[in-house]
Amino acid sequence: MKPKLIVTIGNIALKSMKLYFPSSEQLKSFKLMNDIGKVIRDTTPWVYPLYHTSWRGRTHRDAKKQKNDWLKILCILKENNGN
């Protein structure tokens, strides 16, 4: 399997990607609260960190914003296919 994109859901999954891709400068500095919506492009595959969709996750980012984050995935995949 060769995914084009890894979507992490929550901070624990984001931390695991930081361990998996230790040379990624973008991941090293990525903070969900400040960088949500940004795609990590210095990894293969790309990484798209999102908040967890649980009630607790919605305390940091409301459901409407989270829905928009999820809707961006198709655009990200289309962009990635061009590379």
N, C-alpha and C. Protein backbone atom coordinates (compact mmCIF):
# COMPACT_ATOMS: atom_id res chain seq x y z
N MET A 1 0.84 -1.16 0.00
CA MET A 1 0.00 0.00 0.00
C MET A 1 0.90 1.24 0.00
N LYS A 2 0.55 2.22 -0.83
CA LYS A 2 1.30 3.47 -0.90
C LYS A 2 0.32 4.65 -0.84
N PRO A 3 -0.05 5.04 0.37
CA PRO A 3 -1.01 6.14 0.49
C PRO A 3 -0.41 7.45 -0.01
N LYS A 4 -1.26 8.32 -0.52
CA LYS A 4 -0.85 9.65 -0.96
C LYS A 4 -0.90 10.64 0.20
N LEU A 5 -1.71 10.32 1.22
CA LEU A 5 -1.95 11.25 2.32
C LEU A 5 -2.24 10.46 3.59
N ILE A 6 -1.66 10.90 4.68
CA ILE A 6 -2.00 10.37 6.00
C ILE A 6 -2.75 11.48 6.73
N VAL A 7 -3.95 11.18 7.18
CA VAL A 7 -4.74 12.13 7.95
C VAL A 7 -4.66 11.69 9.41
N THR A 8 -4.01 12.50 10.23
CA THR A 8 -3.94 12.17 11.65
C THR A 8 -5.13 12.80 12.35
N ILE A 9 -5.66 12.08 13.31
CA ILE A 9 -6.84 12.56 14.03
C ILE A 9 -6.48 12.68 15.50
N GLY A 10 -6.18 13.91 15.90
CA GLY A 10 -5.83 14.18 17.28
C GLY A 10 -4.33 14.27 17.51
N ASN A 11 -3.98 14.73 18.67
CA ASN A 11 -2.60 15.02 19.01
C ASN A 11 -1.75 13.76 19.18
N ILE A 12 -2.34 12.67 19.67
CA ILE A 12 -1.57 11.43 19.83
C ILE A 12 -1.11 10.92 18.47
N ALA A 13 -1.99 10.92 17.48
CA ALA A 13 -1.62 10.48 16.13
C ALA A 13 -0.57 11.42 15.53
N LEU A 14 -0.70 12.71 15.79
CA LEU A 14 0.29 13.67 15.30
C LEU A 14 1.66 13.37 15.91
N LYS A 15 1.68 13.10 17.20
CA LYS A 15 2.95 12.77 17.86
C LYS A 15 3.58 11.52 17.26
N SER A 16 2.77 10.54 16.90
CA SER A 16 3.32 9.32 16.31
C SER A 16 3.95 9.61 14.94
N MET A 17 3.38 10.52 14.18
CA MET A 17 3.96 10.89 12.89
C MET A 17 5.28 11.64 13.08
N LYS A 18 5.36 12.41 14.14
CA LYS A 18 6.63 13.10 14.44
C LYS A 18 7.73 12.09 14.73
N LEU A 19 7.38 10.98 15.36
CA LEU A 19 8.35 9.92 15.63
C LEU A 19 8.67 9.13 14.37
N TYR A 20 7.67 8.93 13.52
CA TYR A 20 7.84 8.14 12.30
C TYR A 20 8.67 8.89 11.25
N PHE A 21 8.50 10.22 11.21
CA PHE A 21 9.23 11.07 10.27
C PHE A 21 10.13 12.04 11.03
N PRO A 22 11.17 11.57 11.69
CA PRO A 22 11.99 12.44 12.55
C PRO A 22 12.74 13.54 11.79
N SER A 23 12.91 13.39 10.50
CA SER A 23 13.65 14.41 9.74
C SER A 23 12.75 15.51 9.18
N SER A 24 11.46 15.42 9.39
CA SER A 24 10.53 16.42 8.88
C SER A 24 10.57 17.68 9.72
N GLU A 25 11.09 18.74 9.14
CA GLU A 25 11.14 20.03 9.84
C GLU A 25 9.74 20.59 10.06
N GLN A 26 8.85 20.38 9.10
CA GLN A 26 7.48 20.86 9.25
C GLN A 26 6.78 20.19 10.42
N LEU A 27 6.95 18.89 10.55
CA LEU A 27 6.32 18.17 11.66
C LEU A 27 6.91 18.57 13.00
N LYS A 28 8.21 18.77 13.04
CA LYS A 28 8.86 19.14 14.31
C LYS A 28 8.23 20.40 14.90
N SER A 29 7.91 21.34 14.05
CA SER A 29 7.39 22.62 14.55
C SER A 29 5.86 22.71 14.54
N PHE A 30 5.16 21.68 14.05
CA PHE A 30 3.71 21.72 13.90
C PHE A 30 3.01 21.62 15.25
N LYS A 31 2.10 22.54 15.49
CA LYS A 31 1.24 22.53 16.68
C LYS A 31 -0.20 22.62 16.20
N LEU A 32 -1.04 21.68 16.61
CA LEU A 32 -2.43 21.67 16.15
C LEU A 32 -3.11 23.02 16.35
N MET A 33 -2.95 23.58 17.53
CA MET A 33 -3.67 24.81 17.84
C MET A 33 -3.28 25.97 16.91
N ASN A 34 -2.02 26.01 16.48
CA ASN A 34 -1.55 27.12 15.65
C ASN A 34 -1.55 26.81 14.16
N ASP A 35 -1.39 25.54 13.81
CA ASP A 35 -1.14 25.18 12.42
C ASP A 35 -2.22 24.34 11.76
N ILE A 36 -3.35 24.18 12.42
CA ILE A 36 -4.43 23.36 11.87
C ILE A 36 -4.79 23.84 10.46
N GLY A 37 -4.98 22.90 9.57
CA GLY A 37 -5.32 23.23 8.18
C GLY A 37 -4.12 23.23 7.25
N LYS A 38 -2.93 23.15 7.81
CA LYS A 38 -1.72 23.11 6.99
C LYS A 38 -1.36 21.66 6.68
N VAL A 39 -0.84 21.45 5.49
CA VAL A 39 -0.42 20.12 5.06
C VAL A 39 1.09 20.01 5.22
N ILE A 40 1.54 18.91 5.76
CA ILE A 40 2.97 18.64 5.88
C ILE A 40 3.40 18.02 4.56
N ARG A 41 4.23 18.75 3.82
CA ARG A 41 4.62 18.32 2.48
C ARG A 41 6.07 17.82 2.39
N ASP A 42 6.80 17.87 3.48
CA ASP A 42 8.18 17.39 3.42
C ASP A 42 8.30 15.93 3.86
N THR A 43 7.20 15.21 3.77
CA THR A 43 7.17 13.77 4.04
C THR A 43 6.54 13.07 2.84
N THR A 44 6.81 11.79 2.73
CA THR A 44 6.13 10.97 1.72
C THR A 44 5.57 9.76 2.45
N PRO A 45 4.24 9.68 2.52
CA PRO A 45 3.23 10.57 1.97
C PRO A 45 3.08 11.85 2.79
N TRP A 46 2.32 12.78 2.23
CA TRP A 46 2.02 14.01 2.97
C TRP A 46 1.22 13.66 4.21
N VAL A 47 1.25 14.56 5.19
CA VAL A 47 0.50 14.38 6.44
C VAL A 47 -0.41 15.58 6.62
N TYR A 48 -1.67 15.31 6.94
CA TYR A 48 -2.67 16.36 7.17
C TYR A 48 -3.24 16.17 8.58
N PRO A 49 -2.69 16.88 9.56
CA PRO A 49 -3.15 16.73 10.95
C PRO A 49 -4.49 17.45 11.20
N LEU A 50 -5.38 16.74 11.85
CA LEU A 50 -6.69 17.30 12.21
C LEU A 50 -6.97 17.06 13.69
N TYR A 51 -7.88 17.88 14.22
CA TYR A 51 -8.35 17.64 15.58
C TYR A 51 -9.23 16.40 15.60
N HIS A 52 -9.27 15.75 16.75
CA HIS A 52 -10.19 14.63 16.94
C HIS A 52 -11.61 15.18 16.88
N THR A 53 -12.52 14.41 16.32
CA THR A 53 -13.90 14.88 16.14
C THR A 53 -14.79 14.67 17.35
N SER A 54 -14.22 14.18 18.43
CA SER A 54 -15.00 13.95 19.65
C SER A 54 -15.42 15.28 20.28
N TRP A 55 -16.23 15.18 21.30
CA TRP A 55 -16.67 16.39 22.01
C TRP A 55 -15.46 17.17 22.50
N ARG A 56 -14.50 16.46 23.05
CA ARG A 56 -13.30 17.13 23.58
C ARG A 56 -12.54 17.87 22.47
N GLY A 57 -12.44 17.26 21.30
CA GLY A 57 -11.79 17.91 20.18
C GLY A 57 -12.51 19.16 19.73
N ARG A 58 -13.84 19.14 19.86
CA ARG A 58 -14.63 20.30 19.45
C ARG A 58 -14.52 21.46 20.44
N THR A 59 -13.93 21.23 21.60
CA THR A 59 -13.72 22.35 22.52
C THR A 59 -12.62 23.27 21.98
N HIS A 60 -11.75 22.72 21.14
CA HIS A 60 -10.67 23.50 20.54
C HIS A 60 -11.04 24.03 19.16
N ARG A 61 -11.90 23.32 18.45
CA ARG A 61 -12.28 23.70 17.09
C ARG A 61 -13.70 23.24 16.87
N ASP A 62 -14.59 24.18 16.58
CA ASP A 62 -16.01 23.83 16.49
C ASP A 62 -16.30 22.92 15.30
N ALA A 63 -17.48 22.30 15.34
CA ALA A 63 -17.86 21.28 14.35
C ALA A 63 -17.84 21.83 12.93
N LYS A 64 -18.26 23.06 12.72
CA LYS A 64 -18.30 23.64 11.37
C LYS A 64 -16.88 23.76 10.80
N LYS A 65 -15.95 24.24 11.60
CA LYS A 65 -14.56 24.36 11.14
C LYS A 65 -13.96 22.98 10.88
N GLN A 66 -14.28 22.03 11.75
CA GLN A 66 -13.77 20.68 11.56
C GLN A 66 -14.33 20.07 10.26
N LYS A 67 -15.58 20.32 9.97
CA LYS A 67 -16.17 19.80 8.74
C LYS A 67 -15.43 20.38 7.53
N ASN A 68 -15.14 21.67 7.58
CA ASN A 68 -14.39 22.30 6.49
C ASN A 68 -12.99 21.70 6.36
N ASP A 69 -12.36 21.39 7.48
CA ASP A 69 -11.06 20.74 7.44
C ASP A 69 -11.14 19.41 6.69
N TRP A 70 -12.17 18.63 6.99
CA TRP A 70 -12.34 17.33 6.34
C TRP A 70 -12.65 17.49 4.85
N LEU A 71 -13.39 18.52 4.51
CA LEU A 71 -13.74 18.72 3.09
C LEU A 71 -12.53 19.11 2.25
N LYS A 72 -11.47 19.58 2.86
CA LYS A 72 -10.25 19.95 2.13
C LYS A 72 -9.47 18.73 1.64
N ILE A 73 -9.76 17.57 2.17
CA ILE A 73 -8.96 16.39 1.84
C ILE A 73 -8.96 16.11 0.34
N LEU A 74 -10.08 16.20 -0.31
CA LEU A 74 -10.14 15.94 -1.75
C LEU A 74 -9.24 16.89 -2.52
N CYS A 75 -9.25 18.16 -2.17
CA CYS A 75 -8.38 19.16 -2.83
C CYS A 75 -6.91 18.83 -2.59
N ILE A 76 -6.57 18.41 -1.39
CA ILE A 76 -5.19 18.05 -1.07
C ILE A 76 -4.75 16.86 -1.91
N LEU A 77 -5.63 15.86 -2.03
CA LEU A 77 -5.29 14.68 -2.83
C LEU A 77 -5.11 15.04 -4.30
N LYS A 78 -5.97 15.92 -4.81
CA LYS A 78 -5.82 16.35 -6.21
C LYS A 78 -4.51 17.09 -6.42
N GLU A 79 -4.14 17.93 -5.47
CA GLU A 79 -2.87 18.65 -5.55
C GLU A 79 -1.70 17.67 -5.51
N ASN A 80 -1.80 16.68 -4.66
CA ASN A 80 -0.73 15.70 -4.52
C ASN A 80 -0.58 14.86 -5.79
N ASN A 81 -1.67 14.56 -6.47
CA ASN A 81 -1.59 13.78 -7.70
C ASN A 81 -0.84 14.53 -8.79
N GLY A 82 -0.82 15.84 -8.71
CA GLY A 82 -0.09 16.64 -9.69
C GLY A 82 1.40 16.62 -9.47
N ASN A 83 1.84 16.12 -8.33
CA ASN A 83 3.28 16.09 -8.00
C ASN A 83 3.89 14.74 -8.29
